[in-house]
């Protein structure tokens, strides 16, 4: 007879194990446990060489962001791209089990064009080009106004007398009519000039200049609107960069927030979200940078004895 007592023969035993063994709570008997019959966890299938070769690896710098009220995600930190890639190539030029290794800058989906700094640089260039186009249209408008000579009391100014006389040599009756009509008009000289041009038949030199002036003004307005839109996009991009890089209390973030990490992962798989301390941390994230000890700013510093 066993020192533990009789064996348990209950149909549905309730087994409880302690330092003496495993016993049934219903009858008090012990339960025989054969270690050879314990279920063995199935082994995970290993990757073949063909699978490893088909999945190129990407080496990139990422940072972990996490907020209690939001889903965790990974994002490029402000320090991304500031370190020597040559040193990274020399150190991580080959990953064991993989025949292909690429840096993030070699992949279109991880190109520097997605960095906030690059986007701001492009927007600034677009804004400067729009402002230059606006200034050019403004200069052209001013030159046309000076040539047309829209001044109070006169439609001649920058044009020579000979050019105007040659242009209106065959329109004397209409010219007289226009002058008499203009004498009765009280107001702005531009309105007087436009009404005079409406009375003239044909497309005279002043009428062409007046139309060119309107077209130049439309181009200037369009360039100004484009410059305003580009400036708005630039301001939004700069605000987004400030929002992403502004430090916040450490208590609001994950323990890994704010530190640059080197991750290596297959391109065919998404970037992992989590921490190396998690139990389900995948093995293909390697070369994780050790984190320094950072004290929570909300806590009081320890008192020296």
C-alpha atoms as a PDB file:
ATOM      1  CA  UNK A   1       0.000   0.000   0.000  1.00  0.00           C
ATOM      2  CA  UNK A   2       1.240   3.445  -0.863  1.00  0.00           C
ATOM      3  CA  UNK A   3       2.216   5.834   1.893  1.00  0.00           C
ATOM      4  CA  UNK A   4       0.078   8.460   0.211  1.00  0.00           C
ATOM      5  CA  UNK A   5      -3.074   6.411   0.753  1.00  0.00           C
ATOM      6  CA  UNK A   6      -5.398   4.634  -1.650  1.00  0.00           C
ATOM      7  CA  UNK A   7      -5.538   5.621  -5.244  1.00  0.00           C
ATOM      8  CA  UNK A   8      -8.364   7.812  -6.498  1.00  0.00           C
ATOM      9  CA  UNK A   9     -11.060   6.089  -8.561  1.00  0.00           C
ATOM     10  CA  UNK A  10     -13.477   9.021  -8.965  1.00  0.00           C
ATOM     11  CA  UNK A  11     -14.976   9.554 -12.409  1.00  0.00           C
ATOM     12  CA  UNK A  12     -14.419  13.330 -12.275  1.00  0.00           C
ATOM     13  CA  UNK A  13     -11.660  13.820  -9.712  1.00  0.00           C
ATOM     14  CA  UNK A  14     -10.665  17.247  -8.456  1.00  0.00           C
ATOM     15  CA  UNK A  15      -6.911  17.059  -8.256  1.00  0.00           C
ATOM     16  CA  UNK A  16      -4.857  19.368  -6.039  1.00  0.00           C
ATOM     17  CA  UNK A  17      -1.073  19.123  -5.993  1.00  0.00           C
ATOM     18  CA  UNK A  18       1.266  20.177  -3.190  1.00  0.00           C
ATOM     19  CA  UNK A  19       4.725  19.275  -1.914  1.00  0.00           C
ATOM     20  CA  UNK A  20       3.524  15.797  -0.912  1.00  0.00           C
ATOM     21  CA  UNK A  21       2.003  14.913  -4.269  1.00  0.00           C
ATOM     22  CA  UNK A  22      -1.310  15.163  -6.103  1.00  0.00           C
ATOM     23  CA  UNK A  23      -4.522  14.292  -4.214  1.00  0.00           C
ATOM     24  CA  UNK A  24      -8.226  14.221  -5.042  1.00  0.00           C
ATOM     25  CA  UNK A  25     -10.373  16.612  -3.044  1.00  0.00           C
ATOM     26  CA  UNK A  26     -13.422  14.318  -3.376  1.00  0.00           C
ATOM     27  CA  UNK A  27     -12.118  11.073  -1.901  1.00  0.00           C
ATOM     28  CA  UNK A  28      -8.768  12.069  -0.471  1.00  0.00           C
ATOM     29  CA  UNK A  29      -6.917   9.482  -2.521  1.00  0.00           C
ATOM     30  CA  UNK A  30      -3.819  10.228  -4.507  1.00  0.00           C
ATOM     31  CA  UNK A  31      -3.726  10.470  -8.281  1.00  0.00           C
ATOM     32  CA  UNK A  32      -1.090   8.510 -10.128  1.00  0.00           C
ATOM     33  CA  UNK A  33       0.757  10.729 -12.567  1.00  0.00           C
ATOM     34  CA  UNK A  34       2.978   9.109 -15.098  1.00  0.00           C
ATOM     35  CA  UNK A  35       5.508  11.626 -16.358  1.00  0.00           C
ATOM     36  CA  UNK A  36       5.935   9.668 -19.549  1.00  0.00           C
ATOM     37  CA  UNK A  37       2.302  10.257 -20.442  1.00  0.00           C
ATOM     38  CA  UNK A  38       2.419  14.043 -20.008  1.00  0.00           C
ATOM     39  CA  UNK A  39       1.449  15.941 -23.185  1.00  0.00           C
ATOM     40  CA  UNK A  40       4.391  17.393 -24.973  1.00  0.00           C
ATOM     41  CA  UNK A  41       4.048  20.796 -26.702  1.00  0.00           C
ATOM     42  CA  UNK A  42       4.375  20.443 -30.445  1.00  0.00           C
ATOM     43  CA  UNK A  43       7.607  21.763 -31.812  1.00  0.00           C
ATOM     44  CA  UNK A  44       7.393  24.925 -33.890  1.00  0.00           C
ATOM     45  CA  UNK A  45       8.231  24.350 -37.516  1.00  0.00           C
ATOM     46  CA  UNK A  46      11.552  25.826 -38.454  1.00  0.00           C
ATOM     47  CA  UNK A  47      11.924  28.130 -41.416  1.00  0.00           C
ATOM     48  CA  UNK A  48      13.482  26.704 -44.501  1.00  0.00           C
ATOM     49  CA  UNK A  49      16.326  28.305 -46.419  1.00  0.00           C
ATOM     50  CA  UNK A  50      13.940  29.154 -49.271  1.00  0.00           C
ATOM     51  CA  UNK A  51      11.647  31.117 -46.937  1.00  0.00           C
ATOM     52  CA  UNK A  52      14.547  33.031 -45.390  1.00  0.00           C
ATOM     53  CA  UNK A  53      15.959  33.934 -48.791  1.00  0.00           C
ATOM     54  CA  UNK A  54      12.569  35.111 -50.065  1.00  0.00           C
ATOM     55  CA  UNK A  55      12.135  37.566 -47.166  1.00  0.00           C
ATOM     56  CA  UNK A  56      14.755  40.317 -47.346  1.00  0.00           C
ATOM     57  CA  UNK A  57      15.520  42.141 -44.147  1.00  0.00           C
ATOM     58  CA  UNK A  58      15.416  45.843 -43.503  1.00  0.00           C
ATOM     59  CA  UNK A  59      17.620  47.650 -41.049  1.00  0.00           C
ATOM     60  CA  UNK A  60      15.996  50.811 -39.753  1.00  0.00           C
ATOM     61  CA  UNK A  61      15.885  53.098 -36.766  1.00  0.00           C
ATOM     62  CA  UNK A  62      12.543  53.206 -35.007  1.00  0.00           C
ATOM     63  CA  UNK A  63      11.154  54.474 -31.735  1.00  0.00           C
ATOM     64  CA  UNK A  64       8.326  53.127 -29.617  1.00  0.00           C
ATOM     65  CA  UNK A  65       5.380  55.329 -28.728  1.00  0.00           C
ATOM     66  CA  UNK A  66       2.581  54.258 -26.459  1.00  0.00           C
ATOM     67  CA  UNK A  67      -0.257  56.081 -24.684  1.00  0.00           C
ATOM     68  CA  UNK A  68      -2.689  54.537 -22.190  1.00  0.00           C
ATOM     69  CA  UNK A  69      -5.756  55.688 -24.130  1.00  0.00           C
ATOM     70  CA  UNK A  70      -4.487  54.857 -27.604  1.00  0.00           C
ATOM     71  CA  UNK A  71      -3.221  51.942 -29.587  1.00  0.00           C
ATOM     72  CA  UNK A  72       0.523  51.490 -29.525  1.00  0.00           C
ATOM     73  CA  UNK A  73       2.416  52.262 -32.679  1.00  0.00           C
ATOM     74  CA  UNK A  74       5.936  52.746 -33.909  1.00  0.00           C
ATOM     75  CA  UNK A  75       7.162  55.970 -35.428  1.00  0.00           C
ATOM     76  CA  UNK A  76      10.346  57.473 -36.765  1.00  0.00           C
ATOM     77  CA  UNK A  77      11.951  59.694 -34.154  1.00  0.00           C
ATOM     78  CA  UNK A  78      13.473  63.066 -34.852  1.00  0.00           C
ATOM     79  CA  UNK A  79      16.908  61.444 -34.621  1.00  0.00           C
ATOM     80  CA  UNK A  80      16.166  59.079 -37.507  1.00  0.00           C
ATOM     81  CA  UNK A  81      18.701  59.293 -40.265  1.00  0.00           C
ATOM     82  CA  UNK A  82      21.172  61.304 -38.186  1.00  0.00           C
ATOM     83  CA  UNK A  83      23.578  58.438 -37.578  1.00  0.00           C
ATOM     84  CA  UNK A  84      26.218  56.980 -39.852  1.00  0.00           C
ATOM     85  CA  UNK A  85      24.752  54.394 -42.193  1.00  0.00           C
ATOM     86  CA  UNK A  86      28.234  53.241 -43.181  1.00  0.00           C
ATOM     87  CA  UNK A  87      28.823  52.063 -39.629  1.00  0.00           C
ATOM     88  CA  UNK A  88      25.496  50.276 -39.704  1.00  0.00           C
ATOM     89  CA  UNK A  89      26.369  48.549 -42.965  1.00  0.00           C
ATOM     90  CA  UNK A  90      29.671  47.361 -41.564  1.00  0.00           C
ATOM     91  CA  UNK A  91      28.082  46.007 -38.397  1.00  0.00           C
ATOM     92  CA  UNK A  92      24.842  44.620 -39.819  1.00  0.00           C
ATOM     93  CA  UNK A  93      25.954  43.817 -43.333  1.00  0.00           C
ATOM     94  CA  UNK A  94      24.751  40.241 -43.084  1.00  0.00           C
ATOM     95  CA  UNK A  95      22.075  38.640 -40.959  1.00  0.00           C
ATOM     96  CA  UNK A  96      22.573  34.931 -40.127  1.00  0.00           C
ATOM     97  CA  UNK A  97      20.141  32.844 -42.118  1.00  0.00           C
ATOM     98  CA  UNK A  98      19.403  35.554 -44.659  1.00  0.00           C
ATOM     99  CA  UNK A  99      21.158  36.267 -47.924  1.00  0.00           C
ATOM    100  CA  UNK A 100      19.732  39.768 -48.350  1.00  0.00           C
ATOM    101  CA  UNK A 101      20.200  42.752 -46.077  1.00  0.00           C
ATOM    102  CA  UNK A 102      19.075  46.256 -46.907  1.00  0.00           C
ATOM    103  CA  UNK A 103      19.068  49.500 -45.015  1.00  0.00           C
ATOM    104  CA  UNK A 104      15.843  51.414 -44.620  1.00  0.00           C
ATOM    105  CA  UNK A 105      17.161  54.133 -46.931  1.00  0.00           C
ATOM    106  CA  UNK A 106      17.489  51.538 -49.711  1.00  0.00           C
ATOM    107  CA  UNK A 107      13.770  50.706 -49.616  1.00  0.00           C
ATOM    108  CA  UNK A 108      11.179  52.909 -51.243  1.00  0.00           C
ATOM    109  CA  UNK A 109       8.672  52.353 -48.437  1.00  0.00           C
ATOM    110  CA  UNK A 110      11.214  53.549 -45.858  1.00  0.00           C
ATOM    111  CA  UNK A 111      12.855  56.298 -47.924  1.00  0.00           C
ATOM    112  CA  UNK A 112      13.818  59.603 -46.273  1.00  0.00           C
ATOM    113  CA  UNK A 113      10.959  61.261 -48.188  1.00  0.00           C
ATOM    114  CA  UNK A 114       8.586  60.145 -45.443  1.00  0.00           C
ATOM    115  CA  UNK A 115      10.544  61.964 -42.717  1.00  0.00           C
ATOM    116  CA  UNK A 116       8.978  65.225 -41.451  1.00  0.00           C
ATOM    117  CA  UNK A 117      12.232  67.115 -42.033  1.00  0.00           C
ATOM    118  CA  UNK A 118      12.213  66.200 -45.734  1.00  0.00           C
ATOM    119  CA  UNK A 119       8.548  67.115 -46.152  1.00  0.00           C
ATOM    120  CA  UNK A 120       9.145  70.540 -44.585  1.00  0.00           C
ATOM    121  CA  UNK A 121      12.124  71.135 -46.866  1.00  0.00           C
ATOM    122  CA  UNK A 122      10.044  70.325 -49.965  1.00  0.00           C
ATOM    123  CA  UNK A 123       7.180  72.558 -48.826  1.00  0.00           C
ATOM    124  CA  UNK A 124       9.568  75.444 -48.221  1.00  0.00           C
ATOM    125  CA  UNK A 125      10.954  75.064 -51.736  1.00  0.00           C
ATOM    126  CA  UNK A 126       7.424  75.075 -53.170  1.00  0.00           C
ATOM    127  CA  UNK A 127       6.547  78.169 -51.141  1.00  0.00           C
ATOM    128  CA  UNK A 128       9.643  80.021 -52.352  1.00  0.00           C
ATOM    129  CA  UNK A 129       8.854  79.104 -55.971  1.00  0.00           C
ATOM    130  CA  UNK A 130       5.264  80.338 -55.602  1.00  0.00           C
ATOM    131  CA  UNK A 131       6.432  83.609 -54.049  1.00  0.00           C
ATOM    132  CA  UNK A 132       8.963  84.107 -56.845  1.00  0.00           C
ATOM    133  CA  UNK A 133       6.228  83.535 -59.433  1.00  0.00           C
ATOM    134  CA  UNK A 134       3.976  86.012 -57.658  1.00  0.00           C
ATOM    135  CA  UNK A 135       6.719  88.658 -57.585  1.00  0.00           C
ATOM    136  CA  UNK A 136       7.402  88.128 -61.282  1.00  0.00           C
ATOM    137  CA  UNK A 137       3.727  88.582 -62.117  1.00  0.00           C
ATOM    138  CA  UNK A 138       3.632  91.708 -59.953  1.00  0.00           C
ATOM    139  CA  UNK A 139       6.613  93.213 -61.776  1.00  0.00           C
ATOM    140  CA  UNK A 140       5.018  92.465 -65.130  1.00  0.00           C
ATOM    141  CA  UNK A 141       1.780  94.091 -63.970  1.00  0.00           C
ATOM    142  CA  UNK A 142       3.647  97.215 -62.835  1.00  0.00           C
ATOM    143  CA  UNK A 143       5.465  97.422 -66.162  1.00  0.00           C
ATOM    144  CA  UNK A 144       2.191  97.193 -68.097  1.00  0.00           C
ATOM    145  CA  UNK A 145       0.587  99.852 -65.926  1.00  0.00           C
ATOM    146  CA  UNK A 146       3.521 102.158 -66.529  1.00  0.00           C
ATOM    147  CA  UNK A 147       3.326 101.591 -70.295  1.00  0.00           C
ATOM    148  CA  UNK A 148      -0.437 102.086 -70.472  1.00  0.00           C
ATOM    149  CA  UNK A 149      -0.300 105.268 -68.427  1.00  0.00           C
ATOM    150  CA  UNK A 150      -3.564 105.078 -66.483  1.00  0.00           C
ATOM    151  CA  UNK A 151      -3.215 108.442 -64.771  1.00  0.00           C
ATOM    152  CA  UNK A 152      -5.889 110.962 -63.828  1.00  0.00           C
ATOM    153  CA  UNK A 153      -6.759 113.249 -66.723  1.00  0.00           C
ATOM    154  CA  UNK A 154      -4.617 111.592 -69.395  1.00  0.00           C
ATOM    155  CA  UNK A 155      -4.433 108.318 -71.314  1.00  0.00           C
ATOM    156  CA  UNK A 156      -0.978 109.077 -72.791  1.00  0.00           C
ATOM    157  CA  UNK A 157       2.000 108.974 -70.297  1.00  0.00           C
ATOM    158  CA  UNK A 158       4.741 106.495 -70.989  1.00  0.00           C
ATOM    159  CA  UNK A 159       3.781 106.098 -74.658  1.00  0.00           C
ATOM    160  CA  UNK A 160       5.273 108.568 -77.041  1.00  0.00           C
ATOM    161  CA  UNK A 161       3.011 111.060 -78.785  1.00  0.00           C
ATOM    162  CA  UNK A 162       3.977 109.694 -82.188  1.00  0.00           C
ATOM    163  CA  UNK A 163       2.871 106.130 -81.338  1.00  0.00           C
ATOM    164  CA  UNK A 164      -0.527 107.320 -80.112  1.00  0.00           C
ATOM    165  CA  UNK A 165      -1.085 109.663 -83.070  1.00  0.00           C
ATOM    166  CA  UNK A 166      -0.163 106.957 -85.557  1.00  0.00           C
ATOM    167  CA  UNK A 167      -2.463 104.477 -83.840  1.00  0.00           C
ATOM    168  CA  UNK A 168      -5.527 106.758 -83.802  1.00  0.00           C
ATOM    169  CA  UNK A 169      -4.867 108.687 -87.022  1.00  0.00           C
ATOM    170  CA  UNK A 170      -8.001 107.352 -88.711  1.00  0.00           C
ATOM    171  CA  UNK A 171     -10.276 107.672 -85.689  1.00  0.00           C
ATOM    172  CA  UNK A 172     -10.539 111.426 -85.157  1.00  0.00           C
ATOM    173  CA  UNK A 173     -14.364 111.611 -85.009  1.00  0.00           C
ATOM    174  CA  UNK A 174     -14.465 108.810 -82.474  1.00  0.00           C
ATOM    175  CA  UNK A 175     -11.669 110.464 -80.534  1.00  0.00           C
ATOM    176  CA  UNK A 176     -13.605 113.721 -80.316  1.00  0.00           C
ATOM    177  CA  UNK A 177     -16.706 111.873 -79.235  1.00  0.00           C
ATOM    178  CA  UNK A 178     -14.778 110.068 -76.556  1.00  0.00           C
ATOM    179  CA  UNK A 179     -13.257 113.272 -75.232  1.00  0.00           C
ATOM    180  CA  UNK A 180     -16.658 114.994 -75.076  1.00  0.00           C
ATOM    181  CA  UNK A 181     -18.094 112.019 -73.242  1.00  0.00           C
ATOM    182  CA  UNK A 182     -15.138 111.944 -70.865  1.00  0.00           C
ATOM    183  CA  UNK A 183     -15.625 115.630 -70.055  1.00  0.00           C
ATOM    184  CA  UNK A 184     -19.066 114.797 -68.704  1.00  0.00           C
ATOM    185  CA  UNK A 185     -17.811 111.909 -66.609  1.00  0.00           C
ATOM    186  CA  UNK A 186     -16.845 112.764 -63.044  1.00  0.00           C
ATOM    187  CA  UNK A 187     -14.830 110.218 -61.100  1.00  0.00           C
ATOM    188  CA  UNK A 188     -11.836 108.074 -61.367  1.00  0.00           C
ATOM    189  CA  UNK A 189      -9.525 108.382 -64.368  1.00  0.00           C
ATOM    190  CA  UNK A 190      -9.347 104.607 -64.778  1.00  0.00           C
ATOM    191  CA  UNK A 191     -13.103 104.456 -65.294  1.00  0.00           C
ATOM    192  CA  UNK A 192     -12.813 107.265 -67.837  1.00  0.00           C
ATOM    193  CA  UNK A 193     -10.061 105.410 -69.702  1.00  0.00           C
ATOM    194  CA  UNK A 194     -11.997 102.146 -69.797  1.00  0.00           C
ATOM    195  CA  UNK A 195     -15.117 103.845 -71.133  1.00  0.00           C
ATOM    196  CA  UNK A 196     -13.010 105.568 -73.774  1.00  0.00           C
ATOM    197  CA  UNK A 197     -11.508 102.257 -74.818  1.00  0.00           C
ATOM    198  CA  UNK A 198     -14.978 100.747 -75.109  1.00  0.00           C
ATOM    199  CA  UNK A 199     -15.928 103.490 -77.578  1.00  0.00           C
ATOM    200  CA  UNK A 200     -12.947 102.794 -79.827  1.00  0.00           C
ATOM    201  CA  UNK A 201     -13.485 100.230 -82.587  1.00  0.00           C
ATOM    202  CA  UNK A 202     -10.919  97.501 -83.047  1.00  0.00           C
ATOM    203  CA  UNK A 203      -8.095  96.247 -80.868  1.00  0.00           C
ATOM    204  CA  UNK A 204      -5.875  99.263 -80.296  1.00  0.00           C
ATOM    205  CA  UNK A 205      -2.580  99.306 -78.481  1.00  0.00           C
ATOM    206  CA  UNK A 206      -4.059 100.662 -75.262  1.00  0.00           C
ATOM    207  CA  UNK A 207      -6.817  98.057 -75.321  1.00  0.00           C
ATOM    208  CA  UNK A 208      -4.245  95.272 -75.693  1.00  0.00           C
ATOM    209  CA  UNK A 209      -2.237  96.693 -72.822  1.00  0.00           C
ATOM    210  CA  UNK A 210      -5.348  96.908 -70.685  1.00  0.00           C
ATOM    211  CA  UNK A 211      -6.184  93.267 -71.370  1.00  0.00           C
ATOM    212  CA  UNK A 212      -2.621  92.229 -70.615  1.00  0.00           C
ATOM    213  CA  UNK A 213      -2.841  94.114 -67.351  1.00  0.00           C
ATOM    214  CA  UNK A 214      -5.947  92.131 -66.348  1.00  0.00           C
ATOM    215  CA  UNK A 215      -4.293  88.833 -67.303  1.00  0.00           C
ATOM    216  CA  UNK A 216      -1.185  89.743 -65.303  1.00  0.00           C
ATOM    217  CA  UNK A 217      -3.346  90.564 -62.284  1.00  0.00           C
ATOM    218  CA  UNK A 218      -5.129  87.181 -62.580  1.00  0.00           C
ATOM    219  CA  UNK A 219      -1.788  85.385 -62.722  1.00  0.00           C
ATOM    220  CA  UNK A 220      -0.545  87.339 -59.720  1.00  0.00           C
ATOM    221  CA  UNK A 221      -3.663  86.452 -57.732  1.00  0.00           C
ATOM    222  CA  UNK A 222      -3.290  82.780 -58.646  1.00  0.00           C
ATOM    223  CA  UNK A 223       0.380  82.811 -57.604  1.00  0.00           C
ATOM    224  CA  UNK A 224      -0.524  84.499 -54.307  1.00  0.00           C
ATOM    225  CA  UNK A 225      -3.209  81.888 -53.598  1.00  0.00           C
ATOM    226  CA  UNK A 226      -0.767  79.086 -54.349  1.00  0.00           C
ATOM    227  CA  UNK A 227       1.807  80.657 -52.043  1.00  0.00           C
ATOM    228  CA  UNK A 228      -0.801  80.923 -49.281  1.00  0.00           C
ATOM    229  CA  UNK A 229      -1.772  77.263 -49.700  1.00  0.00           C
ATOM    230  CA  UNK A 230       1.862  76.175 -49.612  1.00  0.00           C
ATOM    231  CA  UNK A 231       2.497  78.288 -46.517  1.00  0.00           C
ATOM    232  CA  UNK A 232      -0.491  76.650 -44.822  1.00  0.00           C
ATOM    233  CA  UNK A 233       0.802  73.170 -45.629  1.00  0.00           C
ATOM    234  CA  UNK A 234       4.233  74.148 -44.356  1.00  0.00           C
ATOM    235  CA  UNK A 235       2.779  75.447 -41.108  1.00  0.00           C
ATOM    236  CA  UNK A 236       0.768  72.248 -40.672  1.00  0.00           C
ATOM    237  CA  UNK A 237       3.854  70.085 -41.283  1.00  0.00           C
ATOM    238  CA  UNK A 238       5.913  72.100 -38.802  1.00  0.00           C
ATOM    239  CA  UNK A 239       3.123  71.855 -36.216  1.00  0.00           C
ATOM    240  CA  UNK A 240       2.969  68.077 -36.729  1.00  0.00           C
ATOM    241  CA  UNK A 241       6.732  67.831 -36.268  1.00  0.00           C
ATOM    242  CA  UNK A 242       6.542  69.856 -33.040  1.00  0.00           C
ATOM    243  CA  UNK A 243       3.681  67.671 -31.804  1.00  0.00           C
ATOM    244  CA  UNK A 244       5.655  64.491 -32.446  1.00  0.00           C
ATOM    245  CA  UNK A 245       8.920  65.676 -30.937  1.00  0.00           C
ATOM    246  CA  UNK A 246       7.617  67.606 -27.916  1.00  0.00           C
ATOM    247  CA  UNK A 247       8.618  65.727 -24.738  1.00  0.00           C
ATOM    248  CA  UNK A 248       5.798  64.689 -22.468  1.00  0.00           C
ATOM    249  CA  UNK A 249       5.768  63.176 -18.964  1.00  0.00           C
ATOM    250  CA  UNK A 250       7.363  59.754 -18.929  1.00  0.00           C
ATOM    251  CA  UNK A 251       4.409  58.365 -17.007  1.00  0.00           C
ATOM    252  CA  UNK A 252       2.222  58.875 -20.082  1.00  0.00           C
ATOM    253  CA  UNK A 253       4.408  56.778 -22.342  1.00  0.00           C
ATOM    254  CA  UNK A 254       5.849  53.338 -22.602  1.00  0.00           C
ATOM    255  CA  UNK A 255       9.185  52.626 -20.990  1.00  0.00           C
ATOM    256  CA  UNK A 256      10.787  52.579 -24.432  1.00  0.00           C
ATOM    257  CA  UNK A 257       9.602  56.020 -25.499  1.00  0.00           C
ATOM    258  CA  UNK A 258      12.233  58.405 -26.725  1.00  0.00           C
ATOM    259  CA  UNK A 259      15.115  56.038 -27.386  1.00  0.00           C
ATOM    260  CA  UNK A 260      16.423  55.118 -30.799  1.00  0.00           C
ATOM    261  CA  UNK A 261      16.420  51.402 -31.493  1.00  0.00           C
ATOM    262  CA  UNK A 262      17.885  49.266 -34.241  1.00  0.00           C
ATOM    263  CA  UNK A 263      15.410  46.737 -35.545  1.00  0.00           C
ATOM    264  CA  UNK A 264      15.841  44.084 -38.177  1.00  0.00           C
ATOM    265  CA  UNK A 265      12.695  42.525 -39.593  1.00  0.00           C
ATOM    266  CA  UNK A 266      11.457  41.007 -42.869  1.00  0.00           C
ATOM    267  CA  UNK A 267       9.881  43.407 -45.329  1.00  0.00           C
ATOM    268  CA  UNK A 268       6.890  41.098 -45.767  1.00  0.00           C
ATOM    269  CA  UNK A 269       5.933  41.471 -42.090  1.00  0.00           C
ATOM    270  CA  UNK A 270       4.703  44.666 -40.405  1.00  0.00           C
ATOM    271  CA  UNK A 271       6.769  46.474 -37.820  1.00  0.00           C
ATOM    272  CA  UNK A 272       6.239  44.904 -34.416  1.00  0.00           C
ATOM    273  CA  UNK A 273       4.418  46.832 -31.723  1.00  0.00           C
ATOM    274  CA  UNK A 274       5.459  46.078 -28.196  1.00  0.00           C
ATOM    275  CA  UNK A 275       8.426  45.724 -25.912  1.00  0.00           C
ATOM    276  CA  UNK A 276      11.298  43.249 -25.615  1.00  0.00           C
ATOM    277  CA  UNK A 277      10.029  42.581 -22.082  1.00  0.00           C
ATOM    278  CA  UNK A 278       6.761  41.175 -23.420  1.00  0.00           C
ATOM    279  CA  UNK A 279       6.398  37.404 -23.477  1.00  0.00           C
ATOM    280  CA  UNK A 280       5.378  37.386 -27.150  1.00  0.00           C
ATOM    281  CA  UNK A 281       8.268  39.533 -28.353  1.00  0.00           C
ATOM    282  CA  UNK A 282       9.267  38.037 -31.731  1.00  0.00           C
ATOM    283  CA  UNK A 283      12.769  36.824 -32.229  1.00  0.00           C
ATOM    284  CA  UNK A 284      13.508  38.666 -35.448  1.00  0.00           C
ATOM    285  CA  UNK A 285      13.696  42.024 -33.659  1.00  0.00           C
ATOM    286  CA  UNK A 286      17.316  42.118 -32.603  1.00  0.00           C
ATOM    287  CA  UNK A 287      20.012  44.617 -31.664  1.00  0.00           C
ATOM    288  CA  UNK A 288      17.742  46.450 -29.235  1.00  0.00           C
ATOM    289  CA  UNK A 289      19.551  49.387 -27.662  1.00  0.00           C
ATOM    290  CA  UNK A 290      19.795  49.219 -23.845  1.00  0.00           C
ATOM    291  CA  UNK A 291      17.876  51.992 -22.150  1.00  0.00           C
ATOM    292  CA  UNK A 292      19.366  54.246 -19.511  1.00  0.00           C
ATOM    293  CA  UNK A 293      17.641  54.668 -16.178  1.00  0.00           C
ATOM    294  CA  UNK A 294      15.271  57.632 -16.407  1.00  0.00           C
ATOM    295  CA  UNK A 295      13.512  58.918 -13.349  1.00  0.00           C
ATOM    296  CA  UNK A 296       9.844  59.802 -13.514  1.00  0.00           C
ATOM    297  CA  UNK A 297       9.614  63.626 -13.222  1.00  0.00           C
ATOM    298  CA  UNK A 298       6.416  63.272 -11.161  1.00  0.00           C
ATOM    299  CA  UNK A 299       8.249  61.387  -8.416  1.00  0.00           C
ATOM    300  CA  UNK A 300      10.310  63.006  -5.708  1.00  0.00           C
ATOM    301  CA  UNK A 301      14.066  62.400  -5.831  1.00  0.00           C
ATOM    302  CA  UNK A 302      15.424  59.974  -3.245  1.00  0.00           C
ATOM    303  CA  UNK A 303      16.738  61.601  -0.091  1.00  0.00           C
ATOM    304  CA  UNK A 304      20.402  61.110   0.610  1.00  0.00           C
ATOM    305  CA  UNK A 305      21.123  59.639   3.994  1.00  0.00           C
END
